Amino acid sequence: MAEVRVPFLLGHTEIAFLFHVKPQTSQRWRTAGTLHEPDLIASGNPYWLLSTVMRLDGEGDRKADRERLATYKAGTPLGYDPEDKEHLPLVVGIQEAARVLGQDAQAISRWRNRQRIAEADLFVSGSPLWLLETILDDARQRQRTIVNSEVAALRAGQRPPQKPRGRRPSAPQASPPRQPPPAAQTFTSADHGAAAEFLASVLAQGYSVTIKPRP
């Protein structure tokens, strides 16, 4: 199969590399709205066009490393930067490829390991990505089933949403109502057992105890 041009796409790993920050920092930029919404969601993961990411360059103290930018581009020799996401070709991940081929994601992963599916056109933030046409051409050559309804859904822009990140905040648990403090009591040396029981009960309710000796 002839080599085809593929769009420059970046995930949090590539953005962090470009700006000399940690991937968690890139994720915070996304949460804060500094980094625009993803141009693509594939297999639940967010990806950005290079032109979108470069809007961060020069904002505040953010500076893209030009040498690292050249290194990134060199990793995709046939890469190009579409004008905007409306000109982005259909790119799919393992989940979308599985739907198109009527398989599950584990089957696609096994095919990749055994080289029984086309090599990924891109490998971004640890995940393989293909042009949809790469998957379709490969399936036709291998005489595999193609689920046309899933292809049509992808062409219509229907994709799974992004995976949730981190733990969902749990609702704070309501504290049980506190019992009113017990009335003060007086004990003698003969009431050792009752005094110990009373002390333990008061402390268990979260109250402190002050012992005042009397003559």
N, C-alpha and C. Protein backbone atom coordinates (compact mmCIF):
# COMPACT_ATOMS: atom_id res chain seq x y z
N MET A 1 0.85 -1.19 0.00
CA MET A 1 0.00 0.00 0.00
C MET A 1 0.89 1.25 0.00
N ALA A 2 0.53 2.21 -0.85
CA ALA A 2 1.31 3.44 -0.94
C ALA A 2 1.17 4.24 0.34
N GLU A 3 2.24 4.94 0.69
CA GLU A 3 2.20 5.76 1.89
C GLU A 3 1.27 6.96 1.66
N VAL A 4 0.54 7.33 2.69
CA VAL A 4 -0.39 8.44 2.58
C VAL A 4 -0.04 9.50 3.61
N ARG A 5 -0.48 10.70 3.35
CA ARG A 5 -0.23 11.79 4.29
C ARG A 5 -1.17 11.65 5.48
N VAL A 6 -0.65 11.95 6.66
CA VAL A 6 -1.44 11.86 7.89
C VAL A 6 -1.32 13.18 8.65
N PRO A 7 -2.35 13.56 9.36
CA PRO A 7 -2.31 14.85 10.07
C PRO A 7 -1.40 14.78 11.29
N PHE A 8 -0.75 15.90 11.59
CA PHE A 8 -0.01 16.01 12.85
C PHE A 8 -1.04 16.05 13.98
N LEU A 9 -0.97 15.07 14.87
CA LEU A 9 -1.85 15.02 16.04
C LEU A 9 -1.01 14.87 17.29
N LEU A 10 -1.43 15.52 18.34
CA LEU A 10 -0.70 15.46 19.61
C LEU A 10 -1.66 15.09 20.74
N GLY A 11 -1.16 14.26 21.63
CA GLY A 11 -1.85 13.99 22.88
C GLY A 11 -1.13 14.72 24.01
N HIS A 12 -1.52 14.43 25.23
CA HIS A 12 -0.89 15.12 26.37
C HIS A 12 0.61 14.83 26.45
N THR A 13 1.03 13.63 26.05
CA THR A 13 2.46 13.30 26.11
C THR A 13 3.27 14.18 25.17
N GLU A 14 2.77 14.36 23.94
CA GLU A 14 3.49 15.16 22.95
C GLU A 14 3.46 16.65 23.32
N ILE A 15 2.36 17.10 23.86
CA ILE A 15 2.27 18.51 24.28
C ILE A 15 3.27 18.78 25.40
N ALA A 16 3.34 17.85 26.35
CA ALA A 16 4.28 18.00 27.46
C ALA A 16 5.71 18.02 26.94
N PHE A 17 6.02 17.15 25.99
CA PHE A 17 7.36 17.12 25.39
C PHE A 17 7.69 18.45 24.73
N LEU A 18 6.72 19.00 24.02
CA LEU A 18 6.96 20.23 23.26
C LEU A 18 7.21 21.42 24.17
N PHE A 19 6.53 21.46 25.33
CA PHE A 19 6.62 22.63 26.20
C PHE A 19 7.46 22.39 27.46
N HIS A 20 8.17 21.27 27.51
CA HIS A 20 9.02 20.98 28.67
C HIS A 20 8.22 20.97 29.97
N VAL A 21 7.06 20.31 29.96
CA VAL A 21 6.26 20.19 31.18
C VAL A 21 5.87 18.72 31.34
N LYS A 22 5.22 18.40 32.44
CA LYS A 22 4.73 17.06 32.67
C LYS A 22 3.36 16.89 32.01
N PRO A 23 3.00 15.66 31.62
CA PRO A 23 1.67 15.45 31.03
C PRO A 23 0.54 15.93 31.93
N GLN A 24 0.75 15.85 33.25
CA GLN A 24 -0.29 16.33 34.16
C GLN A 24 -0.52 17.83 34.00
N THR A 25 0.55 18.56 33.65
CA THR A 25 0.41 20.00 33.44
C THR A 25 -0.45 20.27 32.21
N SER A 26 -0.21 19.51 31.14
CA SER A 26 -1.02 19.65 29.94
C SER A 26 -2.48 19.34 30.24
N GLN A 27 -2.72 18.34 31.07
CA GLN A 27 -4.09 17.99 31.45
C GLN A 27 -4.74 19.12 32.24
N ARG A 28 -3.94 19.78 33.09
CA ARG A 28 -4.48 20.92 33.85
C ARG A 28 -4.82 22.08 32.91
N TRP A 29 -3.99 22.30 31.88
CA TRP A 29 -4.29 23.35 30.90
C TRP A 29 -5.64 23.07 30.24
N ARG A 30 -5.89 21.80 29.95
CA ARG A 30 -7.18 21.43 29.35
C ARG A 30 -8.32 21.71 30.32
N THR A 31 -8.15 21.31 31.57
CA THR A 31 -9.20 21.51 32.57
C THR A 31 -9.49 22.99 32.78
N ALA A 32 -8.42 23.81 32.77
CA ALA A 32 -8.58 25.24 33.00
C ALA A 32 -9.08 25.98 31.77
N GLY A 33 -9.13 25.31 30.62
CA GLY A 33 -9.58 25.96 29.40
C GLY A 33 -8.47 26.67 28.65
N THR A 34 -7.25 26.61 29.17
CA THR A 34 -6.12 27.22 28.47
C THR A 34 -5.84 26.48 27.17
N LEU A 35 -5.92 25.16 27.23
CA LEU A 35 -5.79 24.32 26.04
C LEU A 35 -7.19 24.10 25.49
N HIS A 36 -7.40 24.40 24.22
CA HIS A 36 -8.72 24.31 23.62
C HIS A 36 -9.26 22.88 23.68
N GLU A 37 -10.55 22.76 23.39
CA GLU A 37 -11.18 21.44 23.33
C GLU A 37 -10.48 20.58 22.27
N PRO A 38 -10.43 19.27 22.46
CA PRO A 38 -9.74 18.40 21.50
C PRO A 38 -10.34 18.52 20.09
N ASP A 39 -9.47 18.39 19.11
CA ASP A 39 -9.93 18.36 17.72
C ASP A 39 -10.42 16.98 17.34
N LEU A 40 -10.03 15.98 18.12
CA LEU A 40 -10.41 14.60 17.82
C LEU A 40 -10.50 13.80 19.10
N ILE A 41 -11.54 12.95 19.19
CA ILE A 41 -11.63 11.94 20.24
C ILE A 41 -11.61 10.60 19.55
N ALA A 42 -10.61 9.78 19.85
CA ALA A 42 -10.50 8.44 19.26
C ALA A 42 -10.27 7.43 20.37
N SER A 43 -11.10 6.40 20.40
CA SER A 43 -11.04 5.40 21.47
C SER A 43 -11.11 6.05 22.85
N GLY A 44 -11.85 7.13 22.93
CA GLY A 44 -12.04 7.82 24.21
C GLY A 44 -10.91 8.71 24.62
N ASN A 45 -9.86 8.85 23.79
CA ASN A 45 -8.71 9.68 24.14
C ASN A 45 -8.71 10.98 23.33
N PRO A 46 -8.28 12.10 23.95
CA PRO A 46 -8.29 13.39 23.26
C PRO A 46 -7.01 13.64 22.47
N TYR A 47 -7.16 14.26 21.30
CA TYR A 47 -6.01 14.62 20.47
C TYR A 47 -6.24 16.02 19.88
N TRP A 48 -5.12 16.70 19.64
CA TRP A 48 -5.18 18.07 19.13
C TRP A 48 -4.35 18.20 17.86
N LEU A 49 -4.80 19.06 16.95
CA LEU A 49 -3.99 19.42 15.80
C LEU A 49 -2.79 20.24 16.27
N LEU A 50 -1.72 20.17 15.52
CA LEU A 50 -0.53 20.94 15.87
C LEU A 50 -0.84 22.43 15.90
N SER A 51 -1.65 22.90 14.96
CA SER A 51 -1.98 24.33 14.93
C SER A 51 -2.75 24.75 16.18
N THR A 52 -3.58 23.87 16.71
CA THR A 52 -4.31 24.16 17.94
C THR A 52 -3.35 24.27 19.12
N VAL A 53 -2.43 23.32 19.20
CA VAL A 53 -1.46 23.31 20.31
C VAL A 53 -0.56 24.53 20.25
N MET A 54 -0.17 24.95 19.06
CA MET A 54 0.78 26.06 18.93
C MET A 54 0.16 27.40 19.32
N ARG A 55 -1.14 27.44 19.53
CA ARG A 55 -1.76 28.67 20.04
C ARG A 55 -1.30 28.95 21.47
N LEU A 56 -0.81 27.92 22.15
CA LEU A 56 -0.30 28.10 23.51
C LEU A 56 1.06 28.79 23.52
N ASP A 57 1.76 28.72 22.40
CA ASP A 57 3.11 29.27 22.33
C ASP A 57 3.09 30.78 22.53
N GLY A 58 3.80 31.24 23.55
CA GLY A 58 3.85 32.66 23.84
C GLY A 58 2.79 33.15 24.81
N GLU A 59 1.85 32.27 25.21
CA GLU A 59 0.85 32.65 26.21
C GLU A 59 1.47 32.53 27.59
N GLY A 60 1.55 33.63 28.30
CA GLY A 60 2.18 33.61 29.62
C GLY A 60 3.64 33.20 29.49
N ASP A 61 4.04 32.21 30.28
CA ASP A 61 5.42 31.75 30.22
C ASP A 61 5.56 30.47 29.40
N ARG A 62 4.54 30.14 28.61
CA ARG A 62 4.59 28.92 27.80
C ARG A 62 5.36 29.19 26.51
N LYS A 63 6.34 28.35 26.26
CA LYS A 63 7.17 28.52 25.07
C LYS A 63 7.45 27.15 24.47
N ALA A 64 7.04 26.96 23.21
CA ALA A 64 7.31 25.70 22.54
C ALA A 64 8.78 25.64 22.13
N ASP A 65 9.39 24.50 22.40
CA ASP A 65 10.79 24.29 22.06
C ASP A 65 10.88 23.97 20.57
N ARG A 66 11.55 24.83 19.79
CA ARG A 66 11.61 24.66 18.35
C ARG A 66 12.37 23.39 17.94
N GLU A 67 13.40 23.03 18.69
CA GLU A 67 14.13 21.80 18.37
C GLU A 67 13.24 20.59 18.60
N ARG A 68 12.49 20.61 19.69
CA ARG A 68 11.59 19.50 19.96
C ARG A 68 10.44 19.47 18.94
N LEU A 69 10.01 20.62 18.49
CA LEU A 69 8.99 20.67 17.45
C LEU A 69 9.50 19.99 16.18
N ALA A 70 10.75 20.28 15.82
CA ALA A 70 11.34 19.66 14.63
C ALA A 70 11.46 18.14 14.82
N THR A 71 11.82 17.73 16.04
CA THR A 71 11.92 16.30 16.33
C THR A 71 10.57 15.63 16.19
N TYR A 72 9.53 16.29 16.71
CA TYR A 72 8.18 15.73 16.62
C TYR A 72 7.77 15.58 15.15
N LYS A 73 7.99 16.61 14.36
CA LYS A 73 7.60 16.55 12.95
C LYS A 73 8.38 15.49 12.19
N ALA A 74 9.65 15.33 12.55
CA ALA A 74 10.47 14.33 11.87
C ALA A 74 9.96 12.92 12.13
N GLY A 75 9.26 12.73 13.24
CA GLY A 75 8.70 11.42 13.56
C GLY A 75 7.51 11.05 12.70
N THR A 76 6.97 12.02 11.95
CA THR A 76 5.87 11.77 11.02
C THR A 76 6.24 12.39 9.69
N PRO A 77 7.09 11.71 8.92
CA PRO A 77 7.64 12.30 7.69
C PRO A 77 6.58 12.79 6.70
N LEU A 78 5.44 12.11 6.63
CA LEU A 78 4.39 12.49 5.69
C LEU A 78 3.29 13.29 6.38
N GLY A 79 3.61 13.84 7.54
CA GLY A 79 2.61 14.59 8.29
C GLY A 79 2.33 15.96 7.70
N TYR A 80 1.14 16.45 7.98
CA TYR A 80 0.75 17.80 7.56
C TYR A 80 -0.22 18.35 8.59
N ASP A 81 -0.42 19.64 8.60
CA ASP A 81 -1.29 20.29 9.57
C ASP A 81 -2.54 20.81 8.86
N PRO A 82 -3.70 20.15 9.03
CA PRO A 82 -4.92 20.64 8.40
C PRO A 82 -5.27 22.05 8.88
N GLU A 83 -6.04 22.77 8.08
CA GLU A 83 -6.41 24.14 8.43
C GLU A 83 -7.17 24.18 9.75
N ASP A 84 -8.08 23.26 9.92
CA ASP A 84 -8.86 23.16 11.16
C ASP A 84 -9.43 21.77 11.22
N LYS A 85 -10.16 21.47 12.30
CA LYS A 85 -10.65 20.10 12.47
C LYS A 85 -11.69 19.71 11.43
N GLU A 86 -12.30 20.72 10.77
CA GLU A 86 -13.25 20.40 9.71
C GLU A 86 -12.55 19.75 8.53
N HIS A 87 -11.25 19.98 8.38
CA HIS A 87 -10.47 19.38 7.30
C HIS A 87 -9.68 18.16 7.77
N LEU A 88 -9.95 17.71 8.99
CA LEU A 88 -9.25 16.55 9.54
C LEU A 88 -9.83 15.29 8.92
N PRO A 89 -8.99 14.42 8.35
CA PRO A 89 -9.52 13.15 7.80
C PRO A 89 -10.03 12.27 8.93
N LEU A 90 -10.80 11.25 8.58
CA LEU A 90 -11.34 10.36 9.59
C LEU A 90 -10.21 9.49 10.16
N VAL A 91 -9.94 9.67 11.44
CA VAL A 91 -8.89 8.94 12.15
C VAL A 91 -9.57 8.10 13.23
N VAL A 92 -9.17 6.85 13.34
CA VAL A 92 -9.80 5.95 14.31
C VAL A 92 -8.75 5.30 15.20
N GLY A 93 -9.21 4.90 16.39
CA GLY A 93 -8.38 4.15 17.31
C GLY A 93 -8.84 2.70 17.34
N ILE A 94 -8.36 1.96 18.31
CA ILE A 94 -8.69 0.54 18.41
C ILE A 94 -10.19 0.32 18.56
N GLN A 95 -10.85 1.13 19.39
CA GLN A 95 -12.29 0.93 19.62
C GLN A 95 -13.10 1.12 18.35
N GLU A 96 -12.80 2.19 17.61
CA GLU A 96 -13.55 2.45 16.39
C GLU A 96 -13.25 1.39 15.33
N ALA A 97 -11.98 0.97 15.23
CA ALA A 97 -11.61 -0.08 14.28
C ALA A 97 -12.36 -1.37 14.61
N ALA A 98 -12.49 -1.67 15.89
CA ALA A 98 -13.22 -2.87 16.30
C ALA A 98 -14.67 -2.81 15.87
N ARG A 99 -15.31 -1.67 16.04
CA ARG A 99 -16.71 -1.52 15.63
C ARG A 99 -16.86 -1.69 14.12
N VAL A 100 -15.96 -1.08 13.37
CA VAL A 100 -16.03 -1.15 11.91
C VAL A 100 -15.86 -2.59 11.43
N LEU A 101 -15.04 -3.37 12.12
CA LEU A 101 -14.75 -4.74 11.70
C LEU A 101 -15.59 -5.78 12.43
N GLY A 102 -16.52 -5.33 13.25
CA GLY A 102 -17.40 -6.26 13.95
C GLY A 102 -16.68 -7.13 14.96
N GLN A 103 -15.65 -6.57 15.58
CA GLN A 103 -14.85 -7.29 16.56
C GLN A 103 -14.87 -6.54 17.89
N ASP A 104 -14.16 -7.09 18.88
CA ASP A 104 -13.96 -6.34 20.11
C ASP A 104 -12.55 -5.78 20.13
N ALA A 105 -12.28 -4.87 21.05
CA ALA A 105 -10.98 -4.20 21.09
C ALA A 105 -9.85 -5.19 21.33
N GLN A 106 -10.12 -6.25 22.10
CA GLN A 106 -9.08 -7.24 22.38
C GLN A 106 -8.66 -7.95 21.10
N ALA A 107 -9.61 -8.20 20.20
CA ALA A 107 -9.28 -8.86 18.94
C ALA A 107 -8.37 -7.98 18.09
N ILE A 108 -8.66 -6.68 18.05
CA ILE A 108 -7.82 -5.76 17.27
C ILE A 108 -6.41 -5.72 17.86
N SER A 109 -6.32 -5.72 19.18
CA SER A 109 -4.99 -5.72 19.82
C SER A 109 -4.23 -6.99 19.48
N ARG A 110 -4.92 -8.13 19.48
CA ARG A 110 -4.26 -9.38 19.12
C ARG A 110 -3.79 -9.35 17.67
N TRP A 111 -4.62 -8.83 16.77
CA TRP A 111 -4.23 -8.72 15.37
C TRP A 111 -2.99 -7.84 15.22
N ARG A 112 -2.93 -6.76 15.98
CA ARG A 112 -1.75 -5.89 15.92
C ARG A 112 -0.51 -6.64 16.36
N ASN A 113 -0.63 -7.39 17.46
CA ASN A 113 0.52 -8.12 17.98
C ASN A 113 1.00 -9.18 16.99
N ARG A 114 0.07 -9.73 16.22
CA ARG A 114 0.41 -10.80 15.27
C ARG A 114 0.58 -10.26 13.86
N GLN A 115 0.54 -8.92 13.72
CA GLN A 115 0.71 -8.26 12.42
C GLN A 115 -0.32 -8.75 11.42
N ARG A 116 -1.56 -8.87 11.90
CA ARG A 116 -2.65 -9.31 11.04
C ARG A 116 -3.61 -8.17 10.74
N ILE A 117 -3.15 -6.95 10.90
CA ILE A 117 -3.91 -5.77 10.55
C ILE A 117 -2.90 -4.71 10.11
N ALA A 118 -3.35 -3.76 9.33
CA ALA A 118 -2.44 -2.74 8.81
C ALA A 118 -1.69 -2.04 9.95
N GLU A 119 -0.46 -1.71 9.68
CA GLU A 119 0.32 -0.96 10.66
C GLU A 119 -0.34 0.39 10.91
N ALA A 120 -0.31 0.85 12.14
CA ALA A 120 -0.94 2.12 12.48
C ALA A 120 -0.30 3.26 11.70
N ASP A 121 -1.12 4.21 11.27
CA ASP A 121 -0.59 5.37 10.55
C ASP A 121 0.09 6.34 11.51
N LEU A 122 -0.37 6.34 12.76
CA LEU A 122 0.19 7.22 13.79
C LEU A 122 0.25 6.46 15.09
N PHE A 123 1.14 6.89 15.96
CA PHE A 123 1.23 6.34 17.31
C PHE A 123 1.37 7.55 18.23
N VAL A 124 0.28 7.91 18.90
CA VAL A 124 0.24 9.16 19.66
C VAL A 124 -0.08 8.88 21.13
N SER A 125 0.76 9.40 22.00
CA SER A 125 0.58 9.23 23.45
C SER A 125 0.34 7.76 23.82
N GLY A 126 1.10 6.89 23.16
CA GLY A 126 1.03 5.48 23.50
C GLY A 126 -0.08 4.70 22.84
N SER A 127 -0.88 5.34 21.96
CA SER A 127 -2.02 4.66 21.35
C SER A 127 -1.89 4.65 19.82
N PRO A 128 -2.25 3.54 19.18
CA PRO A 128 -2.20 3.48 17.72
C PRO A 128 -3.43 4.16 17.11
N LEU A 129 -3.21 4.83 15.99
CA LEU A 129 -4.30 5.49 15.26
C LEU A 129 -4.15 5.16 13.78
N TRP A 130 -5.29 4.98 13.13
CA TRP A 130 -5.31 4.71 11.70
C TRP A 130 -6.23 5.70 10.99
N LEU A 131 -5.94 5.99 9.75
CA LEU A 131 -6.93 6.61 8.90
C LEU A 131 -8.03 5.57 8.67
N LEU A 132 -9.27 5.98 8.64
CA LEU A 132 -10.36 5.03 8.40
C LEU A 132 -10.14 4.28 7.10
N GLU A 133 -9.67 4.98 6.08
CA GLU A 133 -9.46 4.34 4.79
C GLU A 133 -8.39 3.25 4.87
N THR A 134 -7.42 3.41 5.76
CA THR A 134 -6.40 2.37 5.95
C THR A 134 -7.05 1.09 6.46
N ILE A 135 -7.93 1.24 7.45
CA ILE A 135 -8.63 0.07 8.02
C ILE A 135 -9.51 -0.58 6.96
N LEU A 136 -10.24 0.22 6.20
CA LEU A 136 -11.15 -0.33 5.19
C LEU A 136 -10.39 -1.04 4.07
N ASP A 137 -9.31 -0.43 3.58
CA ASP A 137 -8.52 -1.06 2.51
C ASP A 137 -7.92 -2.37 2.99
N ASP A 138 -7.42 -2.38 4.23
CA ASP A 138 -6.82 -3.59 4.77
C ASP A 138 -7.87 -4.69 4.91
N ALA A 139 -9.07 -4.32 5.37
CA ALA A 139 -10.14 -5.31 5.54
C ALA A 139 -10.54 -5.91 4.19
N ARG A 140 -10.60 -5.10 3.16
CA ARG A 140 -10.98 -5.61 1.84
C ARG A 140 -9.91 -6.58 1.33
N GLN A 141 -8.65 -6.23 1.54
CA GLN A 141 -7.57 -7.11 1.07
C GLN A 141 -7.59 -8.45 1.79
N ARG A 142 -7.96 -8.42 3.07
CA ARG A 142 -7.99 -9.66 3.86
C ARG A 142 -9.36 -10.32 3.82
N GLN A 143 -10.29 -9.73 3.05
CA GLN A 143 -11.64 -10.27 2.90
C GLN A 143 -12.35 -10.40 4.25
N ARG A 144 -12.21 -9.37 5.04
CA ARG A 144 -12.87 -9.33 6.34
C ARG A 144 -14.21 -8.60 6.22
N THR A 145 -15.08 -8.89 7.16
CA THR A 145 -16.38 -8.24 7.21
C THR A 145 -16.21 -6.77 7.59
N ILE A 146 -16.94 -5.91 6.92
CA ILE A 146 -16.98 -4.49 7.26
C ILE A 146 -18.42 -4.15 7.65
N VAL A 147 -18.60 -3.58 8.80
CA VAL A 147 -19.93 -3.20 9.27
C VAL A 147 -20.24 -1.81 8.72
N ASN A 148 -20.98 -1.78 7.63
CA ASN A 148 -21.22 -0.51 6.93
C ASN A 148 -21.96 0.51 7.79
N SER A 149 -22.83 0.04 8.68
CA SER A 149 -23.56 0.98 9.54
C SER A 149 -22.61 1.72 10.48
N GLU A 150 -21.55 1.04 10.93
CA GLU A 150 -20.56 1.68 11.80
C GLU A 150 -19.70 2.66 11.01
N VAL A 151 -19.40 2.31 9.77
CA VAL A 151 -18.66 3.24 8.91
C VAL A 151 -19.47 4.50 8.70
N ALA A 152 -20.76 4.32 8.43
CA ALA A 152 -21.64 5.47 8.21
C ALA A 152 -21.73 6.33 9.47
N ALA A 153 -21.78 5.69 10.64
CA ALA A 153 -21.85 6.43 11.90
C ALA A 153 -20.60 7.27 12.10
N LEU A 154 -19.45 6.70 11.78
CA LEU A 154 -18.20 7.45 11.92
C LEU A 154 -18.16 8.63 10.94
N ARG A 155 -18.61 8.39 9.74
CA ARG A 155 -18.62 9.47 8.75
C ARG A 155 -19.59 10.58 9.16
N ALA A 156 -20.59 10.20 9.96
CA ALA A 156 -21.55 11.19 10.45
C ALA A 156 -21.07 11.87 11.73
N GLY A 157 -19.88 11.48 12.19
CA GLY A 157 -19.32 12.13 13.38
C GLY A 157 -19.71 11.50 14.69
N GLN A 158 -20.27 10.29 14.66
CA GLN A 158 -20.70 9.64 15.90
C GLN A 158 -19.54 8.82 16.46
N ARG A 159 -19.09 9.21 17.64
CA ARG A 159 -17.98 8.53 18.31
C ARG A 159 -18.28 8.39 19.80
N PRO A 160 -17.63 7.41 20.47
CA PRO A 160 -17.77 7.33 21.92
C PRO A 160 -17.20 8.58 22.57
N PRO A 161 -17.75 9.01 23.70
CA PRO A 161 -17.22 10.20 24.39
C PRO A 161 -15.86 9.93 24.99
N GLN A 162 -15.21 11.00 25.44
CA GLN A 162 -13.90 10.85 26.06
C GLN A 162 -14.02 10.08 27.37
N LYS A 163 -12.98 9.30 27.65
CA LYS A 163 -12.94 8.57 28.91
C LYS A 163 -12.88 9.54 30.07
N PRO A 164 -13.60 9.25 31.16
CA PRO A 164 -13.47 10.12 32.34
C PRO A 164 -12.09 9.99 32.94
N ARG A 165 -11.54 11.09 33.42
CA ARG A 165 -10.21 11.10 34.01
C ARG A 165 -10.30 11.24 35.52
N GLY A 166 -9.51 10.45 36.25
CA GLY A 166 -9.46 10.57 37.70
C GLY A 166 -10.70 9.99 38.35
N ARG A 167 -10.77 10.10 39.62
CA ARG A 167 -11.90 9.59 40.37
C ARG A 167 -12.99 10.63 40.45
N ARG A 168 -14.21 10.16 40.38
CA ARG A 168 -15.32 11.07 40.56
C ARG A 168 -15.37 11.55 42.00
N PRO A 169 -15.61 12.83 42.19
CA PRO A 169 -15.69 13.31 43.58
C PRO A 169 -16.87 12.70 44.30
N SER A 170 -16.61 12.14 45.45
CA SER A 170 -17.69 11.51 46.21
C SER A 170 -18.39 12.56 47.06
N ALA A 171 -19.68 12.35 47.23
CA ALA A 171 -20.47 13.28 48.03
C ALA A 171 -20.00 13.19 49.47
N PRO A 172 -19.84 14.32 50.14
CA PRO A 172 -19.39 14.27 51.53
C PRO A 172 -20.41 13.56 52.40
N GLN A 173 -19.92 12.69 53.26
CA GLN A 173 -20.81 11.96 54.13
C GLN A 173 -21.26 12.86 55.28
N ALA A 174 -22.56 12.81 55.52
CA ALA A 174 -23.11 13.62 56.59
C ALA A 174 -22.71 13.04 57.94
N SER A 175 -22.28 13.90 58.83
CA SER A 175 -21.90 13.44 60.17
C SER A 175 -23.15 13.10 60.95
N PRO A 176 -23.12 12.03 61.70
CA PRO A 176 -24.29 11.68 62.51
C PRO A 176 -24.55 12.78 63.54
N PRO A 177 -25.83 13.02 63.87
CA PRO A 177 -26.13 14.06 64.85
C PRO A 177 -25.46 13.77 66.18
N ARG A 178 -24.89 14.80 66.76
CA ARG A 178 -24.15 14.63 68.01
C ARG A 178 -25.13 14.67 69.18
N GLN A 179 -24.96 13.74 70.10
CA GLN A 179 -25.80 13.70 71.28
C GLN A 179 -25.42 14.84 72.23
N PRO A 180 -26.38 15.37 72.96
CA PRO A 180 -26.06 16.43 73.92
C PRO A 180 -25.16 15.88 75.02
N PRO A 181 -24.28 16.72 75.56
CA PRO A 181 -23.36 16.23 76.59
C PRO A 181 -24.12 15.78 77.83
N PRO A 182 -23.64 14.71 78.43
CA PRO A 182 -24.33 14.23 79.65
C PRO A 182 -24.13 15.21 80.80
N ALA A 183 -25.02 15.13 81.75
CA ALA A 183 -24.93 16.01 82.92
C ALA A 183 -23.73 15.60 83.78
N ALA A 184 -23.15 16.57 84.44
CA ALA A 184 -22.01 16.29 85.31
C ALA A 184 -22.41 15.33 86.42
N GLN A 185 -21.50 14.45 86.76
CA GLN A 185 -21.76 13.49 87.81
C GLN A 185 -20.60 13.49 88.81
N THR A 186 -20.91 13.02 90.01
CA THR A 186 -19.90 12.94 91.07
C THR A 186 -19.74 11.48 91.48
N PHE A 187 -18.49 11.05 91.57
CA PHE A 187 -18.22 9.67 91.94
C PHE A 187 -17.26 9.67 93.14
N THR A 188 -17.38 8.61 93.93
CA THR A 188 -16.46 8.41 95.05
C THR A 188 -15.56 7.23 94.74
N SER A 189 -14.64 6.95 95.63
CA SER A 189 -13.72 5.83 95.41
C SER A 189 -14.47 4.51 95.35
N ALA A 190 -15.65 4.50 95.91
CA ALA A 190 -16.43 3.26 95.89
C ALA A 190 -17.12 3.06 94.54
N ASP A 191 -17.16 4.12 93.72
CA ASP A 191 -17.86 4.03 92.42
C ASP A 191 -16.87 3.88 91.26
N HIS A 192 -15.79 3.16 91.49
CA HIS A 192 -14.74 3.06 90.46
C HIS A 192 -15.27 2.54 89.14
N GLY A 193 -16.05 1.49 89.16
CA GLY A 193 -16.56 0.89 87.92
C GLY A 193 -17.51 1.82 87.18
N ALA A 194 -18.42 2.47 87.91
CA ALA A 194 -19.38 3.38 87.29
C ALA A 194 -18.67 4.60 86.71
N ALA A 195 -17.63 5.08 87.42
CA ALA A 195 -16.89 6.24 86.94
C ALA A 195 -16.17 5.91 85.63
N ALA A 196 -15.56 4.72 85.55
CA ALA A 196 -14.86 4.32 84.33
C ALA A 196 -15.82 4.18 83.16
N GLU A 197 -17.00 3.61 83.44
CA GLU A 197 -18.00 3.44 82.38
C GLU A 197 -18.50 4.79 81.87
N PHE A 198 -18.74 5.72 82.80
CA PHE A 198 -19.21 7.06 82.43
C PHE A 198 -18.15 7.79 81.60
N LEU A 199 -16.88 7.69 82.04
CA LEU A 199 -15.79 8.34 81.32
C LEU A 199 -15.67 7.81 79.89
N ALA A 200 -15.74 6.48 79.74
CA ALA A 200 -15.63 5.88 78.41
C ALA A 200 -16.78 6.33 77.51
N SER A 201 -17.98 6.43 78.07
CA SER A 201 -19.15 6.84 77.28
C SER A 201 -19.01 8.27 76.78
N VAL A 202 -18.55 9.16 77.65
CA VAL A 202 -18.41 10.56 77.27
C VAL A 202 -17.34 10.73 76.20
N LEU A 203 -16.20 10.04 76.37
CA LEU A 203 -15.12 10.15 75.39
C LEU A 203 -15.54 9.58 74.04
N ALA A 204 -16.34 8.50 74.04
CA ALA A 204 -16.79 7.88 72.80
C ALA A 204 -17.68 8.83 71.99
N GLN A 205 -18.35 9.76 72.66
CA GLN A 205 -19.21 10.72 71.98
C GLN A 205 -18.42 11.92 71.44
N GLY A 206 -17.10 11.93 71.66
CA GLY A 206 -16.28 13.00 71.14
C GLY A 206 -16.10 14.17 72.08
N TYR A 207 -16.54 14.05 73.29
CA TYR A 207 -16.39 15.14 74.26
C TYR A 207 -15.12 14.93 75.08
N SER A 208 -14.58 16.01 75.58
CA SER A 208 -13.46 15.92 76.51
C SER A 208 -14.00 15.93 77.94
N VAL A 209 -13.17 15.49 78.85
CA VAL A 209 -13.61 15.36 80.24
C VAL A 209 -12.63 16.09 81.14
N THR A 210 -13.19 16.87 82.05
CA THR A 210 -12.38 17.53 83.07
C THR A 210 -12.76 16.98 84.44
N ILE A 211 -11.78 16.46 85.16
CA ILE A 211 -12.04 15.88 86.47
C ILE A 211 -11.64 16.90 87.54
N LYS A 212 -12.62 17.22 88.37
CA LYS A 212 -12.37 18.18 89.44
C LYS A 212 -12.54 17.47 90.79
N PRO A 213 -11.45 17.33 91.53
CA PRO A 213 -11.56 16.67 92.84
C PRO A 213 -12.31 17.55 93.83
N ARG A 214 -13.08 16.91 94.69
CA ARG A 214 -13.80 17.62 95.75
C ARG A 214 -13.39 17.06 97.10
N PRO A 215 -13.32 17.93 98.10
CA PRO A 215 -12.95 17.44 99.44
C PRO A 215 -14.07 16.58 100.04
